[in-house]
Protein backbone atom coordinates (compact mmCIF):
# COMPACT_ATOMS: atom_id res chain seq x y z
CA MET A 1 150.20 -174.93 -69.04
CA ASN A 2 151.73 -177.78 -67.42
CA LYS A 3 152.55 -176.28 -63.73
CA LYS A 4 149.86 -175.39 -60.87
CA ILE A 5 148.83 -172.11 -60.60
CA SER A 6 148.67 -170.95 -56.56
CA VAL A 7 145.22 -169.68 -55.53
CA ASP A 8 147.04 -165.97 -54.70
CA GLN A 9 147.96 -165.87 -58.08
CA GLU A 10 146.55 -162.15 -59.20
CA ILE A 11 144.16 -162.01 -62.15
CA THR A 12 146.20 -159.72 -64.67
CA GLY A 13 144.16 -155.91 -64.85
CA LEU A 14 141.88 -156.97 -61.96
CA PRO A 15 144.17 -155.61 -58.80
CA GLY A 16 143.13 -157.72 -55.96
CA VAL A 17 140.74 -160.53 -57.90
CA LYS A 18 143.03 -163.71 -57.26
CA ILE A 19 142.66 -167.23 -59.16
CA GLY A 20 141.16 -168.66 -56.18
CA ASP A 21 138.38 -165.77 -56.30
CA PHE A 22 137.52 -168.14 -60.10
CA TRP A 23 137.60 -171.01 -58.40
CA SER A 24 135.39 -170.55 -55.80
CA TRP A 25 133.04 -168.59 -57.62
CA ALA A 26 133.10 -171.50 -60.65
CA TYR A 27 133.35 -175.01 -59.11
CA SER A 28 131.78 -174.46 -55.39
CA ASP A 29 129.06 -176.75 -56.60
CA LEU A 30 130.69 -180.10 -55.62
CA LEU A 31 127.85 -181.85 -56.08
CA SER A 32 127.30 -180.70 -59.49
CA ASN A 33 127.73 -183.71 -62.58
CA THR A 34 130.70 -181.48 -63.85
CA VAL A 35 132.72 -180.75 -61.18
CA ARG A 36 131.87 -183.81 -58.68
CA PRO A 37 134.15 -186.18 -60.90
CA LEU A 38 137.21 -183.90 -60.77
CA PHE A 39 136.53 -183.96 -56.92
CA ALA A 40 136.89 -187.43 -57.42
CA GLU A 41 139.80 -187.75 -59.64
CA PHE A 42 141.49 -185.11 -56.81
CA LEU A 43 140.67 -187.89 -54.27
CA VAL A 44 142.27 -190.53 -56.00
CA GLY A 45 145.03 -188.42 -56.97
CA TYR A 46 145.97 -187.34 -53.44
CA ALA A 47 145.77 -190.90 -52.14
CA LEU A 48 148.39 -191.90 -54.74
CA ASP A 49 149.96 -188.53 -54.14
CA VAL A 50 150.08 -187.72 -58.16
CA THR A 51 148.67 -184.10 -57.96
CA GLU A 52 152.03 -182.58 -58.50
CA SER A 53 150.87 -181.70 -62.13
CA PRO A 54 147.63 -180.51 -63.00
CA ARG A 55 144.73 -182.01 -64.15
CA VAL A 56 145.03 -182.82 -68.02
CA GLU A 57 141.37 -183.03 -70.02
CA TRP A 58 140.46 -185.60 -72.04
CA ASN A 59 143.64 -187.72 -71.73
CA TYR A 60 143.01 -191.68 -72.47
CA ILE A 61 144.11 -191.96 -68.35
CA ASP A 62 143.43 -190.18 -65.35
CA PHE A 63 146.98 -190.71 -63.41
CA CYS A 64 149.86 -193.38 -64.13
CA TYR A 65 150.84 -194.62 -60.58
CA LYS A 66 153.92 -196.98 -60.40
CA GLY A 67 153.84 -197.76 -64.13
CA LEU A 68 149.93 -198.68 -64.41
CA LYS A 69 147.37 -196.22 -66.05
CA ILE A 70 144.75 -195.53 -63.84
CA GLU A 71 141.18 -194.45 -64.59
CA VAL A 72 138.52 -192.65 -61.96
CA LYS A 73 135.08 -193.01 -62.32
CA SER A 74 132.62 -191.06 -59.80
CA SER A 75 128.84 -191.17 -58.88
CA GLY A 76 126.31 -190.20 -56.56
CA TYR A 77 122.89 -190.40 -55.36
CA LEU A 78 122.70 -186.24 -55.57
CA GLN A 79 122.62 -184.32 -58.19
CA SER A 80 122.63 -180.06 -57.27
CA TRP A 81 118.81 -179.64 -58.59
CA ASN A 82 115.98 -181.07 -56.12
CA MET A 83 115.17 -184.96 -56.81
CA GLU A 84 112.19 -186.72 -56.35
CA LYS A 85 114.47 -189.79 -55.40
CA PRO A 86 118.10 -190.54 -55.37
CA SER A 87 119.86 -191.26 -58.71
CA LEU A 88 120.85 -194.83 -59.99
CA ILE A 89 124.48 -195.36 -59.60
CA LYS A 90 126.15 -196.47 -62.71
CA PHE A 91 129.28 -195.91 -64.36
CA ASP A 92 130.61 -195.49 -67.98
CA ILE A 93 132.95 -198.25 -68.97
CA ALA A 94 132.53 -198.16 -72.76
CA LYS A 95 135.74 -198.75 -74.75
CA LYS A 96 137.18 -195.48 -76.33
CA ILE A 97 139.43 -194.98 -78.69
CA PRO A 98 142.35 -193.66 -76.72
CA TRP A 99 143.83 -189.80 -77.19
CA ASP A 100 147.24 -189.27 -75.58
CA ALA A 101 147.85 -185.54 -74.79
CA SER A 102 151.42 -186.20 -74.61
CA THR A 103 151.74 -187.30 -78.08
CA ASN A 104 147.69 -185.47 -79.39
CA LYS A 105 147.45 -188.46 -80.93
CA TYR A 106 144.26 -190.99 -81.02
CA GLY A 107 144.77 -194.94 -80.91
CA ASP A 108 143.58 -196.90 -83.66
CA HIS A 109 140.63 -199.11 -82.12
CA GLU A 110 138.82 -198.69 -79.23
CA VAL A 111 140.03 -200.45 -75.89
CA ARG A 112 139.85 -199.69 -72.04
CA SER A 113 143.01 -198.13 -71.47
CA ALA A 114 143.71 -198.05 -68.26
CA ASP A 115 145.08 -200.74 -65.94
CA LEU A 116 142.67 -199.93 -63.22
CA TYR A 117 139.45 -198.42 -63.16
CA ILE A 118 138.66 -196.61 -59.45
CA PHE A 119 134.83 -196.18 -58.90
CA CYS A 120 134.29 -193.38 -56.46
CA VAL A 121 130.44 -192.92 -54.74
CA LEU A 122 129.19 -190.20 -53.32
CA THR A 123 126.72 -192.52 -50.82
CA GLU A 124 124.63 -189.91 -49.16
CA LYS A 125 121.05 -189.78 -49.93
CA ASN A 126 119.45 -187.27 -47.92
CA PRO A 127 120.26 -183.67 -49.73
CA ASP A 128 120.07 -182.20 -45.87
CA ASN A 129 123.36 -184.14 -45.04
CA VAL A 130 125.50 -184.18 -48.41
CA CYS A 131 128.96 -182.64 -48.29
CA VAL A 132 130.98 -183.56 -50.93
CA PHE A 133 134.19 -182.93 -49.19
CA ASP A 134 133.27 -184.99 -45.94
CA LEU A 135 135.44 -188.14 -46.54
CA ALA A 136 133.48 -190.12 -44.53
CA GLN A 137 130.38 -189.66 -47.03
CA TRP A 138 132.56 -191.71 -50.24
CA GLU A 139 133.08 -195.65 -51.27
CA PHE A 140 135.92 -196.43 -53.53
CA TYR A 141 136.47 -199.61 -55.74
CA VAL A 142 139.27 -200.77 -56.99
CA PHE A 143 139.10 -202.66 -60.21
CA ARG A 144 141.74 -204.39 -62.11
CA THR A 145 140.63 -203.71 -66.41
CA SER A 146 141.01 -207.25 -66.55
CA ASP A 147 138.02 -208.52 -64.18
CA ILE A 148 135.85 -205.41 -66.22
CA ASN A 149 136.83 -207.32 -69.54
CA LYS A 150 136.13 -210.65 -67.95
CA HIS A 151 132.63 -209.71 -66.18
CA PHE A 152 131.33 -207.19 -68.46
CA ARG A 153 132.88 -207.79 -71.37
CA ASP A 154 131.65 -204.83 -74.47
CA GLN A 155 128.85 -203.47 -71.67
CA LYS A 156 129.31 -199.63 -71.69
CA SER A 157 128.13 -199.14 -68.05
CA ILE A 158 127.72 -200.93 -64.74
CA THR A 159 125.65 -199.86 -61.92
CA LEU A 160 126.55 -199.70 -58.62
CA SER A 161 124.76 -202.61 -57.50
CA ARG A 162 126.24 -205.24 -60.39
CA LEU A 163 129.85 -203.63 -59.71
CA GLN A 164 129.12 -204.63 -55.79
CA GLN A 165 128.57 -208.59 -56.67
CA TYR A 166 132.51 -208.31 -57.64
CA SER A 167 134.35 -206.15 -55.14
CA GLN A 168 133.76 -204.20 -51.59
CA PRO A 169 133.86 -200.78 -50.86
CA ILE A 170 136.94 -198.96 -49.53
CA ALA A 171 137.21 -195.84 -47.49
CA PHE A 172 139.50 -193.24 -48.71
CA GLU A 173 142.19 -194.13 -46.16
CA ASP A 174 142.63 -197.36 -47.87
CA VAL A 175 142.43 -196.19 -51.10
CA LYS A 176 146.50 -196.10 -51.71
CA LYS A 177 146.81 -199.28 -49.51
CA ARG A 178 144.18 -201.49 -52.35
CA VAL A 179 146.31 -199.55 -55.37
CA ASP A 180 149.49 -201.03 -54.47
CA GLU A 181 147.90 -204.77 -54.11
CA MET A 182 146.90 -204.30 -57.33
CA VAL A 183 150.21 -203.13 -58.39
CA GLU A 184 151.78 -206.67 -56.62
CA LEU A 185 148.92 -208.50 -58.78
CA LEU A 186 149.43 -206.92 -62.19
């Protein structure tokens, strides 16, 4: 499938039931470790105006924007379950053998395929106040892959505190501007 489905699309054989009903049932827990990353990808894609096509599962990158390949990573202090303390924020930056959905082919060695990484952090630590769809509760860090390779070499993950040694957080409304600045640098 290569085009987006409307939330009003009726499910054939279930009169009055729409695909939006399924999405609401399946994906309302935006705090979960499986749904929050999808939401973060959507936020970045929306900021860059590249959400006209549906997301491609397992592709080697999340987005192409002005010729740049972009990978989105997300983390948060809170999870869907009861927690005794906030989670340690860390991100997967491991090199991987890329699979290109458009060609259905794998690369021949492990790499960081993207030109840019955008790290998204849901910052709220109070379970009573967390609201995943409140953009004021998110921070974004835009990082060139060349800088990841330089500072973190073959590390498989990085913590937020380590990332913050090299990058400052930005708000959602500044994501596009920061990425556009990076386009000029690459």
